[in-house]
Amino acid sequence: METAKEIIRIEGLNKTFHTKDGEVVALDNIHLEIAQGEIFGIIGLSGAGKSTLVRCMNLLEKPTAGRVFFDGQELGGLRRRELNEKRHSIGMIFQSFNLLMQRTALQNICFPLELVGTPKEKARERARELLALVHLEDKENAYPAQLSGGQKQRVAIARALATNPKVLLCDEATSALDPNTTRGVLSLLKDINQKLGVTIVVITHEMSVIEEICSRVAILDHSQIVEMGRVEDIFVKPQSKIARQLLFPAGKKEIKFGKGGRCLRIVFDGLSSYEPVLSSMVLECGYPVNILFADTRDIDGKAMGQIIVGLPEEEKAVHRMYAYLNTHGIRFEEVKDI
C-alpha cells in the first residue's frame, strides 16, 4: 500500500510569548506530520496551545524555534510575497465565523477572490458553485444577520474554499454551534474532504468532534504533544491521563470508584457490541459487578463502546474475568482513576 504524501510537517516547534509577568511557553518541541487528504485532529483543554499551533501552520504566528513545512517547502524561508501566495493554499475557518456583516453570503465568498484579482463574473460563478456545495443556493443574497449559526459557518467554509486550498484549518469551528448543527457541519466537512480531497485539520476541545470525522489525532497538554495516533487506537487504549479525561467528558464526575479503586474498562467494537459480554462474564465467573460508566461512540463511521465496571476485591475473581475476556478476544484494561 502506497504511503500518502505529506502535506504538513512540523519539526521541533517552540513558541514563547513575552508578557509583563515573564515568559509563557505556548508550544514546546512539537513534532508533527499530516498526510495529504486526511482529516487530522488536534485536541486539548483550554490553554493547551491548540490555537497557537494551528496559527503556526501558516505562519500567522511566527514560531520562536523550529521549522514548518507546507507541501514540501519550509515556510520560514519564504519571502513575504511567496509566503502570502502559499497561504492561498491554506484556508481557515473560525469559531466566530468572521464574516463581513455588510456583505451578502455571495459577496463574502467573493472577497478572497477579489484579493487575488479574480475577474468579478468569474468570482461570482465560483461563489455560486461553493454555495451549492454547502447547500445554501437560496441564501446568496442573505446578509450574515439573516443567517443561523450553522448557515454562517457554511458560508465561512465556502469562503475558505474559494481559492481552491489544499488544506483547510478549522479552529474550534463548531464550538459555537448546538449538537445537531455541529453534526451537520462535520458531515459537510467530511463530504468536502471526500469530494475535493482537501486535507482538513480540526482543532477542538471536544473528543466527540474528533471521533466523528478524524482518522488520526494529536493530544496536546501543557504545550506538548503527549499522545498521537489513530483515533480508534487511542479510544481502545489511551496512554495519557489527559486522553482518559477527554474520553469521559460527560460522565467523569459521576464515576465512583469502589474500595481499592480498581475498575475494569471494557471496549466494544462494532461486532462485540452485539454480544452479551458483560452478562456472560458474570454468569461464567460467578461474581457480580457494578456498572460505573457506559457509552457508545461513532468513530470514523465505526460503532465503538465502553463500559467501566468495579472489580471484585477477590483476586481470584479478577483473574477469572481477565481470562474470560482474553479467551473471547474482548479488549480491556484495568483503570484506577480517570
C-alpha atoms as a PDB file:
ATOM      1  CA  MET A   1       0.000   0.000   0.000  1.00  0.00           C
ATOM      2  CA  GLU A   2       1.410   3.373  -1.072  1.00  0.00           C
ATOM      3  CA  THR A   3       2.123   5.852   1.722  1.00  0.00           C
ATOM      4  CA  ALA A   4       0.159   9.088   1.446  1.00  0.00           C
ATOM      5  CA  LYS A   5       2.164  12.189   0.579  1.00  0.00           C
ATOM      6  CA  GLU A   6       2.950  14.510   3.453  1.00  0.00           C
ATOM      7  CA  ILE A   7       1.332  17.966   3.214  1.00  0.00           C
ATOM      8  CA  ILE A   8       2.361  19.491   6.586  1.00  0.00           C
ATOM      9  CA  ARG A   9       5.453  18.724   8.650  1.00  0.00           C
ATOM     10  CA  ILE A  10       6.468  20.444  11.858  1.00  0.00           C
ATOM     11  CA  GLU A  11       9.928  19.922  13.341  1.00  0.00           C
ATOM     12  CA  GLY A  12      10.935  20.955  16.863  1.00  0.00           C
ATOM     13  CA  LEU A  13       8.495  23.850  17.002  1.00  0.00           C
ATOM     14  CA  ASN A  14       8.549  26.134  20.028  1.00  0.00           C
ATOM     15  CA  LYS A  15       6.544  29.263  20.697  1.00  0.00           C
ATOM     16  CA  THR A  16       7.189  31.550  23.660  1.00  0.00           C
ATOM     17  CA  PHE A  17       5.236  34.715  24.414  1.00  0.00           C
ATOM     18  CA  HIS A  18       6.834  37.529  26.383  1.00  0.00           C
ATOM     19  CA  THR A  19       4.462  39.228  28.808  1.00  0.00           C
ATOM     20  CA  LYS A  20       4.874  41.762  31.610  1.00  0.00           C
ATOM     21  CA  ASP A  21       4.784  38.840  34.060  1.00  0.00           C
ATOM     22  CA  GLY A  22       7.509  36.918  32.241  1.00  0.00           C
ATOM     23  CA  GLU A  23       7.743  34.264  29.531  1.00  0.00           C
ATOM     24  CA  VAL A  24       4.829  31.986  28.666  1.00  0.00           C
ATOM     25  CA  VAL A  25       5.675  28.792  26.760  1.00  0.00           C
ATOM     26  CA  ALA A  26       2.716  28.089  24.464  1.00  0.00           C
ATOM     27  CA  LEU A  27       4.312  25.256  22.469  1.00  0.00           C
ATOM     28  CA  ASP A  28       7.230  23.067  23.442  1.00  0.00           C
ATOM     29  CA  ASN A  29       9.151  20.854  20.991  1.00  0.00           C
ATOM     30  CA  ILE A  30       6.265  19.962  18.678  1.00  0.00           C
ATOM     31  CA  HIS A  31       6.888  17.305  16.027  1.00  0.00           C
ATOM     32  CA  LEU A  32       4.003  16.550  13.682  1.00  0.00           C
ATOM     33  CA  GLU A  33       3.290  15.163  10.217  1.00  0.00           C
ATOM     34  CA  ILE A  34      -0.051  15.389   8.421  1.00  0.00           C
ATOM     35  CA  ALA A  35      -0.699  13.398   5.254  1.00  0.00           C
ATOM     36  CA  GLN A  36      -2.325  14.814   2.158  1.00  0.00           C
ATOM     37  CA  GLY A  37      -6.054  14.074   2.055  1.00  0.00           C
ATOM     38  CA  GLU A  38      -6.543  13.049   5.673  1.00  0.00           C
ATOM     39  CA  ILE A  39      -8.698  14.615   8.374  1.00  0.00           C
ATOM     40  CA  PHE A  40      -6.345  15.194  11.286  1.00  0.00           C
ATOM     41  CA  GLY A  41      -7.464  16.268  14.746  1.00  0.00           C
ATOM     42  CA  ILE A  42      -5.650  18.323  17.383  1.00  0.00           C
ATOM     43  CA  ILE A  43      -7.322  18.261  20.790  1.00  0.00           C
ATOM     44  CA  GLY A  44      -6.593  19.581  24.250  1.00  0.00           C
ATOM     45  CA  LEU A  45      -8.096  21.505  27.114  1.00  0.00           C
ATOM     46  CA  SER A  46      -8.238  25.300  27.172  1.00  0.00           C
ATOM     47  CA  GLY A  47      -4.740  26.788  27.259  1.00  0.00           C
ATOM     48  CA  ALA A  48      -3.014  23.672  25.931  1.00  0.00           C
ATOM     49  CA  GLY A  49      -1.686  25.542  22.871  1.00  0.00           C
ATOM     50  CA  LYS A  50      -4.089  24.333  20.152  1.00  0.00           C
ATOM     51  CA  SER A  51      -4.897  27.666  18.526  1.00  0.00           C
ATOM     52  CA  THR A  52      -1.264  28.781  18.674  1.00  0.00           C
ATOM     53  CA  LEU A  53      -0.242  25.580  16.915  1.00  0.00           C
ATOM     54  CA  VAL A  54      -2.762  25.989  14.088  1.00  0.00           C
ATOM     55  CA  ARG A  55      -1.680  29.618  13.557  1.00  0.00           C
ATOM     56  CA  CYS A  56       1.931  28.453  13.324  1.00  0.00           C
ATOM     57  CA  MET A  57       0.952  26.112  10.477  1.00  0.00           C
ATOM     58  CA  ASN A  58       0.532  29.076   8.112  1.00  0.00           C
ATOM     59  CA  LEU A  59       2.941  31.364   9.999  1.00  0.00           C
ATOM     60  CA  LEU A  60       0.248  33.785  11.106  1.00  0.00           C
ATOM     61  CA  GLU A  61       2.072  33.156  14.373  1.00  0.00           C
ATOM     62  CA  LYS A  62       5.830  33.059  13.915  1.00  0.00           C
ATOM     63  CA  PRO A  63       7.492  30.232  15.886  1.00  0.00           C
ATOM     64  CA  THR A  64      10.250  31.056  18.368  1.00  0.00           C
ATOM     65  CA  ALA A  65      12.140  27.994  17.151  1.00  0.00           C
ATOM     66  CA  GLY A  66      11.623  25.043  14.830  1.00  0.00           C
ATOM     67  CA  ARG A  67      10.556  24.630  11.211  1.00  0.00           C
ATOM     68  CA  VAL A  68       7.198  24.404   9.442  1.00  0.00           C
ATOM     69  CA  PHE A  69       6.954  22.731   6.030  1.00  0.00           C
ATOM     70  CA  PHE A  70       3.935  23.009   3.739  1.00  0.00           C
ATOM     71  CA  ASP A  71       3.739  20.944   0.560  1.00  0.00           C
ATOM     72  CA  GLY A  72       7.492  20.355   0.652  1.00  0.00           C
ATOM     73  CA  GLN A  73       8.570  23.958   1.279  1.00  0.00           C
ATOM     74  CA  GLU A  74       9.799  25.456   4.536  1.00  0.00           C
ATOM     75  CA  LEU A  75       7.565  28.451   5.163  1.00  0.00           C
ATOM     76  CA  GLY A  76      10.112  30.253   7.308  1.00  0.00           C
ATOM     77  CA  GLY A  77      12.474  30.508   4.359  1.00  0.00           C
ATOM     78  CA  LEU A  78       9.998  32.252   2.037  1.00  0.00           C
ATOM     79  CA  ARG A  79       9.856  35.959   1.254  1.00  0.00           C
ATOM     80  CA  ARG A  80       6.690  37.788   2.324  1.00  0.00           C
ATOM     81  CA  ARG A  81       5.165  37.691  -1.168  1.00  0.00           C
ATOM     82  CA  GLU A  82       5.957  33.989  -1.570  1.00  0.00           C
ATOM     83  CA  LEU A  83       4.501  33.263   1.865  1.00  0.00           C
ATOM     84  CA  ASN A  84       1.290  35.137   1.042  1.00  0.00           C
ATOM     85  CA  GLU A  85       0.945  33.149  -2.182  1.00  0.00           C
ATOM     86  CA  LYS A  86       1.438  29.923  -0.226  1.00  0.00           C
ATOM     87  CA  ARG A  87      -1.273  30.963   2.223  1.00  0.00           C
ATOM     88  CA  HIS A  88      -3.784  30.946  -0.650  1.00  0.00           C
ATOM     89  CA  SER A  89      -3.463  27.153  -0.443  1.00  0.00           C
ATOM     90  CA  ILE A  90      -4.352  27.152   3.273  1.00  0.00           C
ATOM     91  CA  GLY A  91      -7.942  28.050   4.114  1.00  0.00           C
ATOM     92  CA  MET A  92      -9.105  28.835   7.665  1.00  0.00           C
ATOM     93  CA  ILE A  93     -12.459  28.804   9.435  1.00  0.00           C
ATOM     94  CA  PHE A  94     -13.070  30.012  12.969  1.00  0.00           C
ATOM     95  CA  GLN A  95     -15.479  29.653  15.871  1.00  0.00           C
ATOM     96  CA  SER A  96     -16.733  33.234  15.396  1.00  0.00           C
ATOM     97  CA  PHE A  97     -17.279  32.817  11.600  1.00  0.00           C
ATOM     98  CA  ASN A  98     -15.522  36.186  10.837  1.00  0.00           C
ATOM     99  CA  LEU A  99     -17.987  37.120   8.093  1.00  0.00           C
ATOM    100  CA  LEU A 100     -18.235  40.691   6.798  1.00  0.00           C
ATOM    101  CA  MET A 101     -21.595  41.925   8.084  1.00  0.00           C
ATOM    102  CA  GLN A 102     -22.127  44.470   5.264  1.00  0.00           C
ATOM    103  CA  ARG A 103     -21.709  41.810   2.580  1.00  0.00           C
ATOM    104  CA  THR A 104     -24.154  39.145   1.411  1.00  0.00           C
ATOM    105  CA  ALA A 105     -23.265  35.458   1.539  1.00  0.00           C
ATOM    106  CA  LEU A 106     -22.242  35.593  -2.125  1.00  0.00           C
ATOM    107  CA  GLN A 107     -20.139  38.722  -1.596  1.00  0.00           C
ATOM    108  CA  ASN A 108     -18.417  37.192   1.449  1.00  0.00           C
ATOM    109  CA  ILE A 109     -17.327  34.214  -0.635  1.00  0.00           C
ATOM    110  CA  CYS A 110     -16.158  36.508  -3.441  1.00  0.00           C
ATOM    111  CA  PHE A 111     -13.969  38.529  -1.057  1.00  0.00           C
ATOM    112  CA  PRO A 112     -10.811  36.315  -1.094  1.00  0.00           C
ATOM    113  CA  LEU A 113     -11.129  36.012  -4.862  1.00  0.00           C
ATOM    114  CA  GLU A 114     -11.186  39.785  -5.170  1.00  0.00           C
ATOM    115  CA  LEU A 115      -7.977  39.970  -3.155  1.00  0.00           C
ATOM    116  CA  VAL A 116      -6.163  37.764  -5.674  1.00  0.00           C
ATOM    117  CA  GLY A 117      -7.519  39.689  -8.678  1.00  0.00           C
ATOM    118  CA  THR A 118     -10.134  37.250  -9.959  1.00  0.00           C
ATOM    119  CA  PRO A 119     -12.491  38.896 -12.512  1.00  0.00           C
ATOM    120  CA  LYS A 120     -15.858  39.798 -10.971  1.00  0.00           C
ATOM    121  CA  GLU A 121     -18.048  37.464 -13.036  1.00  0.00           C
ATOM    122  CA  LYS A 122     -15.669  34.551 -12.607  1.00  0.00           C
ATOM    123  CA  ALA A 123     -15.595  35.158  -8.835  1.00  0.00           C
ATOM    124  CA  ARG A 124     -19.405  35.203  -8.664  1.00  0.00           C
ATOM    125  CA  GLU A 125     -19.578  31.991 -10.675  1.00  0.00           C
ATOM    126  CA  ARG A 126     -17.134  30.326  -8.288  1.00  0.00           C
ATOM    127  CA  ALA A 127     -19.058  31.634  -5.270  1.00  0.00           C
ATOM    128  CA  ARG A 128     -22.321  30.173  -6.577  1.00  0.00           C
ATOM    129  CA  GLU A 129     -20.622  26.797  -7.083  1.00  0.00           C
ATOM    130  CA  LEU A 130     -19.477  26.866  -3.459  1.00  0.00           C
ATOM    131  CA  LEU A 131     -22.888  27.933  -2.146  1.00  0.00           C
ATOM    132  CA  ALA A 132     -24.284  24.848  -3.885  1.00  0.00           C
ATOM    133  CA  LEU A 133     -21.554  22.706  -2.334  1.00  0.00           C
ATOM    134  CA  VAL A 134     -22.533  23.845   1.181  1.00  0.00           C
ATOM    135  CA  HIS A 135     -26.269  23.611   0.359  1.00  0.00           C
ATOM    136  CA  LEU A 136     -27.041  27.331   0.582  1.00  0.00           C
ATOM    137  CA  GLU A 137     -28.006  28.126  -3.016  1.00  0.00           C
ATOM    138  CA  ASP A 138     -31.065  30.059  -1.846  1.00  0.00           C
ATOM    139  CA  LYS A 139     -29.072  32.288   0.556  1.00  0.00           C
ATOM    140  CA  GLU A 140     -26.736  34.098  -1.829  1.00  0.00           C
ATOM    141  CA  ASN A 141     -28.381  37.473  -1.184  1.00  0.00           C
ATOM    142  CA  ALA A 142     -28.780  36.991   2.587  1.00  0.00           C
ATOM    143  CA  TYR A 143     -26.655  39.014   4.998  1.00  0.00           C
ATOM    144  CA  PRO A 144     -24.957  37.316   7.996  1.00  0.00           C
ATOM    145  CA  ALA A 145     -27.551  38.805  10.386  1.00  0.00           C
ATOM    146  CA  GLN A 146     -30.247  36.908   8.452  1.00  0.00           C
ATOM    147  CA  LEU A 147     -28.473  33.537   8.792  1.00  0.00           C
ATOM    148  CA  SER A 148     -28.416  30.954  11.583  1.00  0.00           C
ATOM    149  CA  GLY A 149     -25.155  29.961  13.220  1.00  0.00           C
ATOM    150  CA  GLY A 150     -24.887  26.819  11.122  1.00  0.00           C
ATOM    151  CA  GLN A 151     -25.572  28.747   7.924  1.00  0.00           C
ATOM    152  CA  LYS A 152     -22.938  31.347   8.832  1.00  0.00           C
ATOM    153  CA  GLN A 153     -20.379  28.575   9.323  1.00  0.00           C
ATOM    154  CA  ARG A 154     -21.304  27.044   5.965  1.00  0.00           C
ATOM    155  CA  VAL A 155     -20.722  30.417   4.284  1.00  0.00           C
ATOM    156  CA  ALA A 156     -17.375  30.646   6.133  1.00  0.00           C
ATOM    157  CA  ILE A 157     -16.440  27.174   4.870  1.00  0.00           C
ATOM    158  CA  ALA A 158     -17.384  28.144   1.303  1.00  0.00           C
ATOM    159  CA  ARG A 159     -15.305  31.324   1.597  1.00  0.00           C
ATOM    160  CA  ALA A 160     -12.305  29.322   2.865  1.00  0.00           C
ATOM    161  CA  LEU A 161     -12.592  27.053  -0.185  1.00  0.00           C
ATOM    162  CA  ALA A 162     -12.813  29.931  -2.685  1.00  0.00           C
ATOM    163  CA  THR A 163      -9.146  29.871  -3.691  1.00  0.00           C
ATOM    164  CA  ASN A 164      -9.005  26.050  -4.023  1.00  0.00           C
ATOM    165  CA  PRO A 165      -6.825  25.435  -0.950  1.00  0.00           C
ATOM    166  CA  LYS A 166      -5.008  22.173  -0.377  1.00  0.00           C
ATOM    167  CA  VAL A 167      -5.557  22.396   3.394  1.00  0.00           C
ATOM    168  CA  LEU A 168      -8.464  23.652   5.483  1.00  0.00           C
ATOM    169  CA  LEU A 169      -7.641  24.637   9.075  1.00  0.00           C
ATOM    170  CA  CYS A 170     -10.687  24.538  11.386  1.00  0.00           C
ATOM    171  CA  ASP A 171     -10.056  26.334  14.678  1.00  0.00           C
ATOM    172  CA  GLU A 172     -12.887  25.381  17.076  1.00  0.00           C
ATOM    173  CA  ALA A 173     -15.218  25.698  14.086  1.00  0.00           C
ATOM    174  CA  THR A 174     -18.190  24.009  15.805  1.00  0.00           C
ATOM    175  CA  SER A 175     -17.776  25.280  19.373  1.00  0.00           C
ATOM    176  CA  ALA A 176     -20.450  27.967  18.984  1.00  0.00           C
ATOM    177  CA  LEU A 177     -22.998  25.579  17.471  1.00  0.00           C
ATOM    178  CA  ASP A 178     -25.632  23.312  19.014  1.00  0.00           C
ATOM    179  CA  PRO A 179     -25.159  19.499  18.752  1.00  0.00           C
ATOM    180  CA  ASN A 180     -27.460  18.989  15.761  1.00  0.00           C
ATOM    181  CA  THR A 181     -25.904  21.851  13.806  1.00  0.00           C
ATOM    182  CA  THR A 182     -22.438  20.597  14.752  1.00  0.00           C
ATOM    183  CA  ARG A 183     -23.203  17.183  13.270  1.00  0.00           C
ATOM    184  CA  GLY A 184     -24.376  18.846  10.058  1.00  0.00           C
ATOM    185  CA  VAL A 185     -21.218  20.933   9.732  1.00  0.00           C
ATOM    186  CA  LEU A 186     -18.968  17.943  10.477  1.00  0.00           C
ATOM    187  CA  SER A 187     -20.820  15.883   7.883  1.00  0.00           C
ATOM    188  CA  LEU A 188     -20.267  18.689   5.384  1.00  0.00           C
ATOM    189  CA  LEU A 189     -16.536  18.812   6.156  1.00  0.00           C
ATOM    190  CA  LYS A 190     -16.252  15.061   5.686  1.00  0.00           C
ATOM    191  CA  ASP A 191     -18.114  15.329   2.367  1.00  0.00           C
ATOM    192  CA  ILE A 192     -15.771  18.126   1.226  1.00  0.00           C
ATOM    193  CA  ASN A 193     -12.752  16.031   2.162  1.00  0.00           C
ATOM    194  CA  GLN A 194     -14.036  13.090   0.126  1.00  0.00           C
ATOM    195  CA  LYS A 195     -15.209  15.091  -2.904  1.00  0.00           C
ATOM    196  CA  LEU A 196     -12.371  17.602  -3.191  1.00  0.00           C
ATOM    197  CA  GLY A 197      -9.510  15.732  -1.500  1.00  0.00           C
ATOM    198  CA  VAL A 198      -8.813  18.734   0.738  1.00  0.00           C
ATOM    199  CA  THR A 199      -6.724  17.949   3.815  1.00  0.00           C
ATOM    200  CA  ILE A 200      -8.600  19.072   6.939  1.00  0.00           C
ATOM    201  CA  VAL A 201      -7.023  19.905  10.304  1.00  0.00           C
ATOM    202  CA  VAL A 202      -9.583  20.073  13.115  1.00  0.00           C
ATOM    203  CA  ILE A 203      -8.726  21.989  16.295  1.00  0.00           C
ATOM    204  CA  THR A 204     -11.129  21.289  19.168  1.00  0.00           C
ATOM    205  CA  HIS A 205     -11.534  20.574  22.881  1.00  0.00           C
ATOM    206  CA  GLU A 206     -14.354  18.085  22.213  1.00  0.00           C
ATOM    207  CA  MET A 207     -13.486  14.409  21.756  1.00  0.00           C
ATOM    208  CA  SER A 208     -16.871  13.793  20.092  1.00  0.00           C
ATOM    209  CA  VAL A 209     -15.803  16.066  17.210  1.00  0.00           C
ATOM    210  CA  ILE A 210     -12.539  14.132  16.769  1.00  0.00           C
ATOM    211  CA  GLU A 211     -14.356  10.794  16.859  1.00  0.00           C
ATOM    212  CA  GLU A 212     -16.930  11.940  14.316  1.00  0.00           C
ATOM    213  CA  ILE A 213     -14.609  12.709  11.382  1.00  0.00           C
ATOM    214  CA  CYS A 214     -10.882  12.363  12.170  1.00  0.00           C
ATOM    215  CA  SER A 215      -8.688   9.404  11.270  1.00  0.00           C
ATOM    216  CA  ARG A 216      -5.714  10.477  13.426  1.00  0.00           C
ATOM    217  CA  VAL A 217      -5.326  12.803  16.380  1.00  0.00           C
ATOM    218  CA  ALA A 218      -2.618  14.576  18.375  1.00  0.00           C
ATOM    219  CA  ILE A 219      -3.395  15.299  22.039  1.00  0.00           C
ATOM    220  CA  LEU A 220      -1.911  18.491  23.473  1.00  0.00           C
ATOM    221  CA  ASP A 221      -1.345  19.002  27.180  1.00  0.00           C
ATOM    222  CA  HIS A 222       0.664  21.801  28.789  1.00  0.00           C
ATOM    223  CA  SER A 223       2.126  22.898  25.419  1.00  0.00           C
ATOM    224  CA  GLN A 224       3.342  19.436  24.404  1.00  0.00           C
ATOM    225  CA  ILE A 225       2.014  16.567  22.315  1.00  0.00           C
ATOM    226  CA  VAL A 226       1.539  13.794  24.870  1.00  0.00           C
ATOM    227  CA  GLU A 227      -0.111  11.251  22.590  1.00  0.00           C
ATOM    228  CA  MET A 228      -0.672  10.816  18.862  1.00  0.00           C
ATOM    229  CA  GLY A 229      -2.136   8.075  16.682  1.00  0.00           C
ATOM    230  CA  ARG A 230      -5.255   6.620  15.135  1.00  0.00           C
ATOM    231  CA  VAL A 231      -8.408   7.782  16.891  1.00  0.00           C
ATOM    232  CA  GLU A 232      -9.627   4.207  17.293  1.00  0.00           C
ATOM    233  CA  ASP A 233      -6.358   3.089  18.883  1.00  0.00           C
ATOM    234  CA  ILE A 234      -6.415   5.925  21.403  1.00  0.00           C
ATOM    235  CA  PHE A 235     -10.036   5.148  22.257  1.00  0.00           C
ATOM    236  CA  VAL A 236      -9.184   1.498  22.855  1.00  0.00           C
ATOM    237  CA  LYS A 237      -6.042   2.103  24.903  1.00  0.00           C
ATOM    238  CA  PRO A 238      -5.339   5.697  25.936  1.00  0.00           C
ATOM    239  CA  GLN A 239      -1.774   6.164  27.186  1.00  0.00           C
ATOM    240  CA  SER A 240      -2.016   9.569  28.864  1.00  0.00           C
ATOM    241  CA  LYS A 241      -4.111  10.930  31.707  1.00  0.00           C
ATOM    242  CA  ILE A 242      -5.425  13.765  29.545  1.00  0.00           C
ATOM    243  CA  ALA A 243      -6.603  11.254  26.910  1.00  0.00           C
ATOM    244  CA  ARG A 244      -8.601   9.447  29.589  1.00  0.00           C
ATOM    245  CA  GLN A 245     -10.137  12.719  30.729  1.00  0.00           C
ATOM    246  CA  LEU A 246     -11.161  13.579  27.176  1.00  0.00           C
ATOM    247  CA  LEU A 247     -12.770  10.153  26.725  1.00  0.00           C
ATOM    248  CA  PHE A 248     -15.067  10.721  29.709  1.00  0.00           C
ATOM    249  CA  PRO A 249     -16.239  14.325  29.330  1.00  0.00           C
ATOM    250  CA  ALA A 250     -19.857  13.727  30.341  1.00  0.00           C
ATOM    251  CA  GLY A 251     -19.612  11.044  32.981  1.00  0.00           C
ATOM    252  CA  LYS A 252     -16.227  11.591  34.583  1.00  0.00           C
ATOM    253  CA  LYS A 253     -17.565  13.261  37.725  1.00  0.00           C
ATOM    254  CA  GLU A 254     -20.244  10.600  38.103  1.00  0.00           C
ATOM    255  CA  ILE A 255     -17.818   7.681  38.240  1.00  0.00           C
ATOM    256  CA  LYS A 256     -17.458   6.471  41.812  1.00  0.00           C
ATOM    257  CA  PHE A 257     -14.524   4.124  42.182  1.00  0.00           C
ATOM    258  CA  GLY A 258     -15.135   1.439  44.739  1.00  0.00           C
ATOM    259  CA  LYS A 259     -12.998   0.167  47.593  1.00  0.00           C
ATOM    260  CA  GLY A 260      -9.409  -0.039  46.405  1.00  0.00           C
ATOM    261  CA  GLY A 261     -10.334   1.953  43.312  1.00  0.00           C
ATOM    262  CA  ARG A 262      -9.837  -0.997  40.941  1.00  0.00           C
ATOM    263  CA  CYS A 263     -12.035  -0.895  37.866  1.00  0.00           C
ATOM    264  CA  LEU A 264     -12.198  -2.604  34.520  1.00  0.00           C
ATOM    265  CA  ARG A 265     -12.705  -0.702  31.266  1.00  0.00           C
ATOM    266  CA  ILE A 266     -14.148  -2.971  28.590  1.00  0.00           C
ATOM    267  CA  VAL A 267     -14.055  -1.734  24.984  1.00  0.00           C
ATOM    268  CA  PHE A 268     -16.509  -2.900  22.338  1.00  0.00           C
ATOM    269  CA  ASP A 269     -16.199  -2.596  18.588  1.00  0.00           C
ATOM    270  CA  GLY A 270     -18.987  -2.896  16.051  1.00  0.00           C
ATOM    271  CA  LEU A 271     -19.052  -6.685  16.319  1.00  0.00           C
ATOM    272  CA  SER A 272     -18.646  -7.335  20.040  1.00  0.00           C
ATOM    273  CA  SER A 273     -21.221  -4.661  20.921  1.00  0.00           C
ATOM    274  CA  TYR A 274     -23.960  -7.061  19.798  1.00  0.00           C
ATOM    275  CA  GLU A 275     -22.790  -9.816  22.147  1.00  0.00           C
ATOM    276  CA  PRO A 276     -23.909 -10.093  25.808  1.00  0.00           C
ATOM    277  CA  VAL A 277     -20.303  -9.877  27.008  1.00  0.00           C
ATOM    278  CA  LEU A 278     -20.928  -8.472  30.475  1.00  0.00           C
ATOM    279  CA  SER A 279     -23.796 -10.767  31.438  1.00  0.00           C
ATOM    280  CA  SER A 280     -21.963 -13.825  30.073  1.00  0.00           C
ATOM    281  CA  MET A 281     -18.808 -12.877  32.028  1.00  0.00           C
ATOM    282  CA  VAL A 282     -20.791 -12.512  35.270  1.00  0.00           C
ATOM    283  CA  LEU A 283     -22.538 -15.856  34.765  1.00  0.00           C
ATOM    284  CA  GLU A 284     -19.371 -17.748  33.869  1.00  0.00           C
ATOM    285  CA  CYS A 285     -17.147 -16.208  36.551  1.00  0.00           C
ATOM    286  CA  GLY A 286     -19.787 -16.308  39.286  1.00  0.00           C
ATOM    287  CA  TYR A 287     -19.137 -12.788  40.575  1.00  0.00           C
ATOM    288  CA  PRO A 288     -21.379  -9.722  40.149  1.00  0.00           C
ATOM    289  CA  VAL A 289     -20.031  -6.327  39.035  1.00  0.00           C
ATOM    290  CA  ASN A 290     -21.309  -2.775  39.333  1.00  0.00           C
ATOM    291  CA  ILE A 291     -21.554  -0.732  36.126  1.00  0.00           C
ATOM    292  CA  LEU A 292     -19.977   2.668  36.847  1.00  0.00           C
ATOM    293  CA  PHE A 293     -19.972   4.223  33.376  1.00  0.00           C
ATOM    294  CA  ALA A 294     -21.102   3.294  29.865  1.00  0.00           C
ATOM    295  CA  ASP A 295     -21.403   4.993  26.497  1.00  0.00           C
ATOM    296  CA  THR A 296     -21.205   4.411  22.766  1.00  0.00           C
ATOM    297  CA  ARG A 297     -19.393   6.375  20.069  1.00  0.00           C
ATOM    298  CA  ASP A 298     -19.264   6.565  16.287  1.00  0.00           C
ATOM    299  CA  ILE A 299     -15.553   6.681  15.463  1.00  0.00           C
ATOM    300  CA  ASP A 300     -14.814   7.351  11.801  1.00  0.00           C
ATOM    301  CA  GLY A 301     -18.003   5.513  10.813  1.00  0.00           C
ATOM    302  CA  LYS A 302     -17.466   2.554  13.149  1.00  0.00           C
ATOM    303  CA  ALA A 303     -19.621   1.849  16.206  1.00  0.00           C
ATOM    304  CA  MET A 304     -17.500   1.723  19.375  1.00  0.00           C
ATOM    305  CA  GLY A 305     -18.460   1.489  23.035  1.00  0.00           C
ATOM    306  CA  GLN A 306     -17.018   1.300  26.519  1.00  0.00           C
ATOM    307  CA  ILE A 307     -18.165   0.149  29.939  1.00  0.00           C
ATOM    308  CA  ILE A 308     -16.401   0.682  33.259  1.00  0.00           C
ATOM    309  CA  VAL A 309     -17.230  -1.812  35.998  1.00  0.00           C
ATOM    310  CA  GLY A 310     -15.976  -2.111  39.545  1.00  0.00           C
ATOM    311  CA  LEU A 311     -13.731  -5.128  40.103  1.00  0.00           C
ATOM    312  CA  PRO A 312     -14.408  -7.545  42.975  1.00  0.00           C
ATOM    313  CA  GLU A 313     -11.977  -7.465  45.890  1.00  0.00           C
ATOM    314  CA  GLU A 314     -11.204 -11.205  45.474  1.00  0.00           C
ATOM    315  CA  GLU A 315      -8.113 -11.586  43.303  1.00  0.00           C
ATOM    316  CA  LYS A 316      -9.361 -14.981  42.152  1.00  0.00           C
ATOM    317  CA  ALA A 317     -12.461 -13.364  40.648  1.00  0.00           C
ATOM    318  CA  VAL A 318     -10.369 -10.732  38.876  1.00  0.00           C
ATOM    319  CA  HIS A 319      -8.170 -13.418  37.274  1.00  0.00           C
ATOM    320  CA  ARG A 320     -11.272 -15.293  36.086  1.00  0.00           C
ATOM    321  CA  MET A 321     -12.700 -12.185  34.465  1.00  0.00           C
ATOM    322  CA  TYR A 322      -9.425 -11.405  32.723  1.00  0.00           C
ATOM    323  CA  ALA A 323      -9.210 -14.975  31.436  1.00  0.00           C
ATOM    324  CA  TYR A 324     -12.782 -14.824  30.154  1.00  0.00           C
ATOM    325  CA  LEU A 325     -12.234 -11.568  28.272  1.00  0.00           C
ATOM    326  CA  ASN A 326      -8.916 -12.769  26.811  1.00  0.00           C
ATOM    327  CA  THR A 327     -10.493 -16.043  25.667  1.00  0.00           C
ATOM    328  CA  HIS A 328     -13.277 -14.204  23.859  1.00  0.00           C
ATOM    329  CA  GLY A 329     -10.974 -11.595  22.304  1.00  0.00           C
ATOM    330  CA  ILE A 330     -12.541  -8.657  24.140  1.00  0.00           C
ATOM    331  CA  ARG A 331     -10.280  -5.631  24.606  1.00  0.00           C
ATOM    332  CA  PHE A 332      -9.981  -4.328  28.150  1.00  0.00           C
ATOM    333  CA  GLU A 333      -7.722  -2.556  30.627  1.00  0.00           C
ATOM    334  CA  GLU A 334      -7.662  -2.055  34.380  1.00  0.00           C
ATOM    335  CA  VAL A 335      -8.066   1.567  35.446  1.00  0.00           C
ATOM    336  CA  LYS A 336      -7.608   3.085  38.884  1.00  0.00           C
ATOM    337  CA  ASP A 337      -8.601   6.658  38.051  1.00  0.00           C
ATOM    338  CA  ILE A 338      -9.565   8.769  35.075  1.00  0.00           C
END
